[in-house]
N, C-alpha and C. Protein backbone atom coordinates (compact mmCIF):
# COMPACT_ATOMS: atom_id res chain seq x y z
N UNK A 1 13.60 -9.17 -46.45
CA UNK A 1 12.51 -8.94 -45.52
C UNK A 1 12.09 -10.28 -44.93
N UNK A 2 11.99 -10.34 -43.61
CA UNK A 2 11.63 -11.58 -42.94
C UNK A 2 10.12 -11.62 -42.74
N UNK A 3 9.51 -12.77 -43.02
CA UNK A 3 8.07 -12.96 -42.86
C UNK A 3 7.83 -14.00 -41.78
N UNK A 4 6.78 -13.79 -41.01
CA UNK A 4 6.42 -14.73 -39.96
C UNK A 4 5.15 -15.47 -40.35
N UNK A 5 5.08 -16.73 -39.99
CA UNK A 5 3.90 -17.53 -40.32
C UNK A 5 2.71 -17.05 -39.51
N UNK A 6 1.49 -17.24 -40.03
CA UNK A 6 0.29 -16.88 -39.27
C UNK A 6 0.20 -17.62 -37.93
N UNK A 7 0.68 -18.85 -37.88
CA UNK A 7 0.66 -19.61 -36.64
C UNK A 7 1.56 -18.96 -35.59
N UNK A 8 2.76 -18.51 -36.02
CA UNK A 8 3.68 -17.84 -35.10
C UNK A 8 3.07 -16.55 -34.58
N UNK A 9 2.46 -15.76 -35.45
CA UNK A 9 1.84 -14.50 -35.04
C UNK A 9 0.67 -14.75 -34.09
N UNK A 10 -0.11 -15.79 -34.33
CA UNK A 10 -1.22 -16.13 -33.44
C UNK A 10 -0.70 -16.53 -32.06
N UNK A 11 0.40 -17.28 -32.02
CA UNK A 11 0.99 -17.70 -30.76
C UNK A 11 1.51 -16.50 -29.97
N UNK A 12 2.20 -15.59 -30.64
CA UNK A 12 2.72 -14.39 -29.98
C UNK A 12 1.56 -13.54 -29.44
N UNK A 13 0.50 -13.39 -30.22
CA UNK A 13 -0.66 -12.62 -29.78
C UNK A 13 -1.30 -13.28 -28.57
N UNK A 14 -1.48 -14.59 -28.60
CA UNK A 14 -2.10 -15.30 -27.49
C UNK A 14 -1.26 -15.16 -26.23
N UNK A 15 0.05 -15.27 -26.35
CA UNK A 15 0.92 -15.14 -25.19
C UNK A 15 0.90 -13.73 -24.63
N UNK A 16 0.86 -12.73 -25.49
CA UNK A 16 0.86 -11.35 -25.01
C UNK A 16 -0.48 -10.99 -24.37
N UNK A 17 -1.55 -11.65 -24.77
CA UNK A 17 -2.86 -11.41 -24.17
C UNK A 17 -3.11 -12.32 -22.98
N UNK A 18 -2.19 -13.20 -22.69
CA UNK A 18 -2.35 -14.16 -21.60
C UNK A 18 -2.61 -13.52 -20.26
N UNK A 19 -2.14 -12.30 -20.04
CA UNK A 19 -2.38 -11.62 -18.76
C UNK A 19 -3.86 -11.32 -18.55
N UNK A 20 -4.65 -11.39 -19.62
CA UNK A 20 -6.08 -11.13 -19.48
C UNK A 20 -6.82 -12.32 -18.90
N UNK A 21 -6.19 -13.46 -18.82
CA UNK A 21 -6.78 -14.61 -18.14
C UNK A 21 -7.79 -15.35 -18.99
N UNK A 22 -8.44 -16.33 -18.37
CA UNK A 22 -9.42 -17.14 -19.07
C UNK A 22 -10.79 -16.52 -18.96
N UNK A 23 -11.57 -16.63 -19.97
CA UNK A 23 -12.96 -16.16 -20.03
C UNK A 23 -13.08 -14.67 -19.74
N UNK A 24 -11.98 -13.91 -19.82
CA UNK A 24 -12.05 -12.47 -19.63
C UNK A 24 -12.34 -12.03 -18.21
N UNK A 25 -12.25 -12.94 -17.21
CA UNK A 25 -12.60 -12.56 -15.85
C UNK A 25 -11.38 -12.33 -14.97
N UNK A 26 -10.21 -12.75 -15.39
CA UNK A 26 -9.01 -12.58 -14.58
C UNK A 26 -8.07 -11.66 -15.33
N UNK A 27 -7.69 -10.56 -14.70
CA UNK A 27 -6.84 -9.59 -15.38
C UNK A 27 -5.77 -9.08 -14.45
N UNK A 28 -4.67 -8.61 -15.02
CA UNK A 28 -3.62 -8.00 -14.22
C UNK A 28 -4.01 -6.57 -13.89
N UNK A 29 -3.64 -6.13 -12.69
CA UNK A 29 -4.08 -4.83 -12.18
C UNK A 29 -3.66 -3.69 -13.08
N UNK A 30 -4.60 -2.87 -13.42
CA UNK A 30 -4.40 -1.60 -14.08
C UNK A 30 -5.72 -0.88 -13.94
N UNK A 31 -5.73 0.41 -14.12
CA UNK A 31 -6.95 1.16 -13.91
C UNK A 31 -7.99 0.77 -14.95
N UNK A 32 -9.16 0.35 -14.50
CA UNK A 32 -10.25 -0.06 -15.39
C UNK A 32 -11.57 0.13 -14.65
N UNK A 33 -12.68 0.07 -15.38
CA UNK A 33 -13.99 0.27 -14.78
C UNK A 33 -14.86 -0.95 -15.06
N UNK A 34 -15.51 -1.46 -14.02
CA UNK A 34 -16.50 -2.52 -14.14
C UNK A 34 -17.81 -1.96 -13.63
N UNK A 35 -18.91 -2.30 -14.28
CA UNK A 35 -20.23 -1.80 -13.86
C UNK A 35 -21.07 -2.92 -13.28
N UNK A 36 -21.89 -2.56 -12.30
CA UNK A 36 -22.84 -3.53 -11.75
C UNK A 36 -24.12 -3.46 -12.57
N UNK A 37 -24.90 -4.50 -12.61
CA UNK A 37 -24.64 -5.77 -11.94
C UNK A 37 -23.52 -6.54 -12.66
N UNK A 38 -22.69 -7.20 -11.86
CA UNK A 38 -21.60 -8.00 -12.42
C UNK A 38 -22.17 -9.29 -13.00
N UNK A 39 -21.86 -9.57 -14.25
CA UNK A 39 -22.35 -10.80 -14.88
C UNK A 39 -21.70 -12.03 -14.26
N UNK A 40 -20.47 -11.86 -13.81
CA UNK A 40 -19.73 -12.94 -13.16
C UNK A 40 -18.69 -12.30 -12.26
N UNK A 41 -18.13 -13.07 -11.32
CA UNK A 41 -17.11 -12.49 -10.44
C UNK A 41 -15.96 -11.88 -11.23
N UNK A 42 -15.39 -10.82 -10.72
CA UNK A 42 -14.26 -10.15 -11.35
C UNK A 42 -13.02 -10.48 -10.55
N UNK A 43 -12.03 -11.09 -11.19
CA UNK A 43 -10.79 -11.46 -10.51
C UNK A 43 -9.62 -10.77 -11.21
N UNK A 44 -8.72 -10.19 -10.42
CA UNK A 44 -7.56 -9.54 -10.99
C UNK A 44 -6.37 -9.74 -10.08
N UNK A 45 -5.18 -9.59 -10.65
CA UNK A 45 -3.94 -9.72 -9.89
C UNK A 45 -3.14 -8.43 -10.04
N UNK A 46 -2.23 -8.22 -9.12
CA UNK A 46 -1.39 -7.04 -9.16
C UNK A 46 -0.34 -7.12 -8.08
N UNK A 47 0.20 -5.96 -7.73
CA UNK A 47 1.24 -5.87 -6.70
C UNK A 47 0.79 -4.88 -5.65
N UNK A 48 0.91 -5.26 -4.37
CA UNK A 48 0.51 -4.38 -3.28
C UNK A 48 1.42 -3.17 -3.19
N UNK A 49 0.94 -2.16 -2.49
CA UNK A 49 1.78 -1.01 -2.20
C UNK A 49 1.81 0.02 -3.30
N UNK A 50 2.66 1.00 -3.11
CA UNK A 50 2.81 2.09 -4.05
C UNK A 50 3.59 3.21 -3.41
N UNK A 51 3.70 4.33 -4.11
CA UNK A 51 4.50 5.45 -3.63
C UNK A 51 3.72 6.46 -2.81
N UNK A 52 2.39 6.40 -2.83
CA UNK A 52 1.59 7.40 -2.14
C UNK A 52 1.22 6.92 -0.73
N UNK A 53 1.59 7.71 0.28
CA UNK A 53 1.25 7.38 1.66
C UNK A 53 -0.21 7.75 1.92
N UNK A 54 -0.92 6.85 2.60
CA UNK A 54 -2.32 7.10 2.95
C UNK A 54 -2.57 6.53 4.34
N UNK A 55 -3.78 6.77 4.87
CA UNK A 55 -4.15 6.20 6.16
C UNK A 55 -4.27 4.68 6.07
N UNK A 56 -4.26 4.16 4.87
CA UNK A 56 -4.39 2.73 4.64
C UNK A 56 -3.08 2.15 4.10
N UNK A 57 -1.96 2.72 4.51
CA UNK A 57 -0.66 2.26 4.05
C UNK A 57 -0.25 2.92 2.74
N UNK A 58 0.83 2.44 2.18
CA UNK A 58 1.28 2.96 0.89
C UNK A 58 0.43 2.35 -0.21
N UNK A 59 -0.09 3.22 -1.09
CA UNK A 59 -0.93 2.77 -2.20
C UNK A 59 -0.40 3.35 -3.50
N UNK A 60 -0.86 2.80 -4.60
CA UNK A 60 -0.52 3.32 -5.91
C UNK A 60 -1.27 4.63 -6.12
N UNK A 61 -0.81 5.46 -7.04
CA UNK A 61 -1.45 6.75 -7.29
C UNK A 61 -2.75 6.60 -8.07
N UNK A 62 -2.95 5.47 -8.76
CA UNK A 62 -4.19 5.21 -9.46
C UNK A 62 -4.81 3.93 -8.92
N UNK A 63 -6.12 3.87 -8.92
CA UNK A 63 -6.84 2.70 -8.42
C UNK A 63 -6.54 1.49 -9.30
N UNK A 64 -6.42 0.34 -8.66
CA UNK A 64 -6.24 -0.90 -9.40
C UNK A 64 -7.53 -1.33 -10.07
N UNK A 65 -8.65 -0.95 -9.47
CA UNK A 65 -9.97 -1.31 -10.01
C UNK A 65 -10.95 -0.21 -9.67
N UNK A 66 -11.84 0.11 -10.58
CA UNK A 66 -12.94 1.04 -10.33
C UNK A 66 -14.24 0.29 -10.61
N UNK A 67 -15.20 0.42 -9.70
CA UNK A 67 -16.50 -0.23 -9.86
C UNK A 67 -17.56 0.85 -9.90
N UNK A 68 -18.34 0.86 -10.97
CA UNK A 68 -19.45 1.80 -11.11
C UNK A 68 -20.72 1.08 -10.67
N UNK A 69 -21.29 1.48 -9.53
CA UNK A 69 -22.53 0.88 -9.04
C UNK A 69 -23.68 1.61 -9.71
N UNK A 70 -24.47 0.89 -10.50
CA UNK A 70 -25.55 1.50 -11.27
C UNK A 70 -26.92 1.31 -10.61
N UNK A 71 -27.04 0.34 -9.69
CA UNK A 71 -28.31 0.12 -9.00
C UNK A 71 -28.41 1.08 -7.81
N UNK A 72 -29.61 1.19 -7.24
CA UNK A 72 -29.78 2.03 -6.05
C UNK A 72 -28.87 1.55 -4.92
N UNK A 73 -28.79 0.24 -4.75
CA UNK A 73 -27.88 -0.38 -3.79
C UNK A 73 -27.33 -1.65 -4.43
N UNK A 74 -26.08 -1.94 -4.17
CA UNK A 74 -25.47 -3.17 -4.68
C UNK A 74 -24.72 -3.85 -3.55
N UNK A 75 -24.97 -5.12 -3.40
CA UNK A 75 -24.25 -5.91 -2.40
C UNK A 75 -23.01 -6.49 -3.07
N UNK A 76 -21.85 -6.00 -2.67
CA UNK A 76 -20.58 -6.46 -3.25
C UNK A 76 -19.67 -6.98 -2.15
N UNK A 77 -18.88 -7.99 -2.49
CA UNK A 77 -17.87 -8.49 -1.58
C UNK A 77 -16.52 -8.36 -2.25
N UNK A 78 -15.57 -7.75 -1.54
CA UNK A 78 -14.21 -7.58 -2.01
C UNK A 78 -13.33 -8.54 -1.20
N UNK A 79 -12.59 -9.40 -1.88
CA UNK A 79 -11.72 -10.36 -1.20
C UNK A 79 -10.31 -10.25 -1.77
N UNK A 80 -9.34 -10.11 -0.87
CA UNK A 80 -7.94 -9.94 -1.29
C UNK A 80 -7.09 -11.01 -0.62
N UNK A 81 -6.23 -11.65 -1.40
CA UNK A 81 -5.24 -12.60 -0.87
C UNK A 81 -3.86 -12.09 -1.24
N UNK A 82 -2.98 -12.05 -0.24
CA UNK A 82 -1.61 -11.61 -0.48
C UNK A 82 -0.74 -12.04 0.68
N UNK A 83 0.44 -11.45 0.75
CA UNK A 83 1.38 -11.67 1.84
C UNK A 83 1.76 -10.31 2.40
N UNK A 84 2.48 -10.33 3.51
CA UNK A 84 2.95 -9.08 4.09
C UNK A 84 1.87 -8.39 4.89
N UNK A 85 2.00 -7.09 5.03
CA UNK A 85 1.10 -6.27 5.84
C UNK A 85 0.21 -5.46 4.88
N UNK A 86 -0.58 -6.16 4.08
CA UNK A 86 -1.34 -5.52 3.01
C UNK A 86 -2.68 -4.98 3.50
N UNK A 87 -3.26 -4.09 2.70
CA UNK A 87 -4.50 -3.41 3.05
C UNK A 87 -5.43 -3.35 1.84
N UNK A 88 -6.69 -3.12 2.12
CA UNK A 88 -7.71 -2.90 1.08
C UNK A 88 -8.33 -1.54 1.37
N UNK A 89 -8.26 -0.63 0.41
CA UNK A 89 -8.85 0.70 0.53
C UNK A 89 -9.89 0.87 -0.56
N UNK A 90 -11.13 1.19 -0.15
CA UNK A 90 -12.21 1.45 -1.10
C UNK A 90 -12.67 2.88 -0.86
N UNK A 91 -12.63 3.71 -1.90
CA UNK A 91 -13.08 5.10 -1.81
C UNK A 91 -14.23 5.30 -2.78
N UNK A 92 -15.26 6.04 -2.32
CA UNK A 92 -16.43 6.24 -3.16
C UNK A 92 -17.02 7.62 -3.02
N UNK A 93 -18.26 7.76 -3.50
CA UNK A 93 -18.92 9.06 -3.49
C UNK A 93 -19.24 9.55 -2.08
N UNK A 94 -19.43 10.84 -1.96
CA UNK A 94 -19.83 11.49 -0.70
C UNK A 94 -18.87 11.19 0.44
N UNK A 95 -17.57 11.10 0.14
CA UNK A 95 -16.56 10.89 1.16
C UNK A 95 -16.44 9.47 1.68
N UNK A 96 -17.11 8.51 1.02
CA UNK A 96 -17.03 7.12 1.47
C UNK A 96 -15.58 6.63 1.39
N UNK A 97 -15.10 6.05 2.47
CA UNK A 97 -13.75 5.50 2.51
C UNK A 97 -13.73 4.36 3.52
N UNK A 98 -13.30 3.19 3.08
CA UNK A 98 -13.21 2.03 3.96
C UNK A 98 -11.82 1.44 3.81
N UNK A 99 -11.14 1.24 4.94
CA UNK A 99 -9.81 0.65 4.95
C UNK A 99 -9.85 -0.62 5.79
N UNK A 100 -9.40 -1.73 5.23
CA UNK A 100 -9.39 -3.00 5.94
C UNK A 100 -7.95 -3.52 5.92
N UNK A 101 -7.46 -3.91 7.11
CA UNK A 101 -6.10 -4.44 7.24
C UNK A 101 -6.12 -5.96 7.31
N UNK A 102 -5.09 -6.59 6.78
CA UNK A 102 -4.92 -8.03 6.95
C UNK A 102 -4.47 -8.29 8.38
N UNK A 103 -4.93 -9.38 8.96
CA UNK A 103 -4.58 -9.76 10.32
C UNK A 103 -4.06 -11.19 10.34
N UNK A 104 -3.33 -11.53 11.38
CA UNK A 104 -2.79 -12.88 11.50
C UNK A 104 -3.88 -13.94 11.53
N UNK A 105 -5.03 -13.62 12.11
CA UNK A 105 -6.09 -14.61 12.25
C UNK A 105 -6.92 -14.82 10.99
N UNK A 106 -6.74 -14.00 9.96
CA UNK A 106 -7.58 -14.13 8.77
C UNK A 106 -7.02 -15.09 7.72
N UNK A 107 -5.88 -15.70 8.01
CA UNK A 107 -5.32 -16.68 7.08
C UNK A 107 -4.82 -16.07 5.78
N UNK A 108 -4.45 -14.81 5.80
CA UNK A 108 -3.93 -14.18 4.59
C UNK A 108 -4.99 -13.68 3.64
N UNK A 109 -6.23 -13.53 4.13
CA UNK A 109 -7.33 -13.09 3.26
C UNK A 109 -8.07 -11.93 3.92
N UNK A 110 -8.26 -10.85 3.17
CA UNK A 110 -9.15 -9.77 3.61
C UNK A 110 -10.48 -10.01 2.91
N UNK A 111 -11.57 -9.98 3.67
CA UNK A 111 -12.90 -10.12 3.08
C UNK A 111 -13.75 -8.97 3.57
N UNK A 112 -14.24 -8.14 2.65
CA UNK A 112 -15.01 -6.95 3.01
C UNK A 112 -16.32 -6.92 2.24
N UNK A 113 -17.40 -7.47 2.84
CA UNK A 113 -18.71 -7.37 2.19
C UNK A 113 -19.33 -6.02 2.50
N UNK A 114 -20.19 -5.56 1.61
CA UNK A 114 -20.84 -4.28 1.87
C UNK A 114 -21.97 -3.99 0.92
N UNK A 115 -22.86 -3.11 1.36
CA UNK A 115 -23.98 -2.63 0.56
C UNK A 115 -23.61 -1.21 0.13
N UNK A 116 -23.42 -1.02 -1.18
CA UNK A 116 -22.93 0.26 -1.68
C UNK A 116 -24.02 1.01 -2.44
N UNK A 117 -24.05 2.34 -2.27
CA UNK A 117 -24.96 3.21 -3.01
C UNK A 117 -24.48 3.37 -4.44
N UNK A 118 -25.32 3.98 -5.27
CA UNK A 118 -24.91 4.29 -6.63
C UNK A 118 -23.70 5.19 -6.62
N UNK A 119 -22.82 4.99 -7.60
CA UNK A 119 -21.65 5.84 -7.72
C UNK A 119 -20.43 5.06 -8.13
N UNK A 120 -19.32 5.75 -8.19
CA UNK A 120 -18.05 5.17 -8.62
C UNK A 120 -17.17 4.92 -7.40
N UNK A 121 -16.67 3.69 -7.30
CA UNK A 121 -15.82 3.28 -6.18
C UNK A 121 -14.45 2.87 -6.71
N UNK A 122 -13.40 3.41 -6.10
CA UNK A 122 -12.04 3.08 -6.48
C UNK A 122 -11.45 2.12 -5.45
N UNK A 123 -10.74 1.09 -5.93
CA UNK A 123 -10.18 0.06 -5.07
C UNK A 123 -8.66 0.08 -5.17
N UNK A 124 -8.01 0.20 -4.01
CA UNK A 124 -6.55 0.21 -3.92
C UNK A 124 -6.11 -0.93 -3.01
N UNK A 125 -5.03 -1.61 -3.36
CA UNK A 125 -4.43 -2.63 -2.50
C UNK A 125 -3.08 -2.08 -2.06
N UNK A 126 -2.98 -1.76 -0.78
CA UNK A 126 -1.78 -1.10 -0.26
C UNK A 126 -0.94 -2.02 0.60
N UNK A 127 0.07 -1.42 1.23
CA UNK A 127 0.92 -2.15 2.16
C UNK A 127 1.37 -1.18 3.24
N UNK A 128 1.17 -1.56 4.50
CA UNK A 128 1.50 -0.66 5.62
C UNK A 128 3.00 -0.50 5.83
N UNK A 129 3.80 -1.39 5.32
CA UNK A 129 5.25 -1.30 5.50
C UNK A 129 5.98 -0.82 4.24
N UNK A 130 5.22 -0.46 3.23
CA UNK A 130 5.82 0.04 2.00
C UNK A 130 6.44 -1.05 1.13
N UNK A 131 6.08 -2.29 1.39
CA UNK A 131 6.61 -3.40 0.60
C UNK A 131 5.69 -3.71 -0.56
N UNK A 132 6.14 -4.58 -1.45
CA UNK A 132 5.35 -5.02 -2.59
C UNK A 132 5.28 -6.54 -2.61
N UNK A 133 4.07 -7.04 -2.75
CA UNK A 133 3.83 -8.48 -2.85
C UNK A 133 2.73 -8.71 -3.89
N UNK A 134 2.74 -9.84 -4.57
CA UNK A 134 1.63 -10.15 -5.49
C UNK A 134 0.32 -10.30 -4.72
N UNK A 135 -0.77 -9.88 -5.34
CA UNK A 135 -2.09 -10.07 -4.72
C UNK A 135 -3.08 -10.56 -5.76
N UNK A 136 -4.18 -11.12 -5.25
CA UNK A 136 -5.34 -11.47 -6.07
C UNK A 136 -6.55 -10.81 -5.44
N UNK A 137 -7.31 -10.08 -6.25
CA UNK A 137 -8.54 -9.41 -5.81
C UNK A 137 -9.70 -10.08 -6.49
N UNK A 138 -10.72 -10.44 -5.72
CA UNK A 138 -11.94 -11.04 -6.25
C UNK A 138 -13.10 -10.17 -5.81
N UNK A 139 -13.91 -9.70 -6.78
CA UNK A 139 -15.08 -8.89 -6.47
C UNK A 139 -16.29 -9.70 -6.93
N UNK A 140 -17.22 -9.95 -6.00
CA UNK A 140 -18.43 -10.71 -6.33
C UNK A 140 -19.66 -9.91 -5.94
N UNK A 141 -20.76 -10.25 -6.60
CA UNK A 141 -22.01 -9.57 -6.30
C UNK A 141 -23.06 -10.60 -5.94
C-alpha cells in the first residue's frame, strides 16, 4: 500500500482548489448564487458561448452566475472582458432581460451598470458567432 506525505496531499489539495482564486473572490464559471449586498467585488472566469441559441447569441444552458438581490433596489455593475463577438445577458424577475453586445469602440469590455429590484438575476456570457473564448466577469456594488 502506497502512502502519501501530508505535505504532498496539502499541495494536491491547494492546486485542485486553485480555480477558486485568491481570497475567495475569483472563481471559474459554474452555476452559483451570490447575495447582495456584496461584501466585495465578485470576479469569475469562464468560456463564452454555449449550445443554446438566444436573442443574445449562443449561451450555455445554465447561468454562469446568479445574483440574489435582497434589498429593495441594488446598484450593480456587470463588466465583462473577452474576445470575439461576445455578449452579456442578464435575466431576472417579471420578464426582466437585458442583452449587451461587445463593440469595436469599447476596447473589448462590456460594462452594464443598473439599478435592480429585489429578486434573482441570472447572468450568461454568450457569443453571437457560436465561438468560445475565455472571459472574465466582474460584478460590483
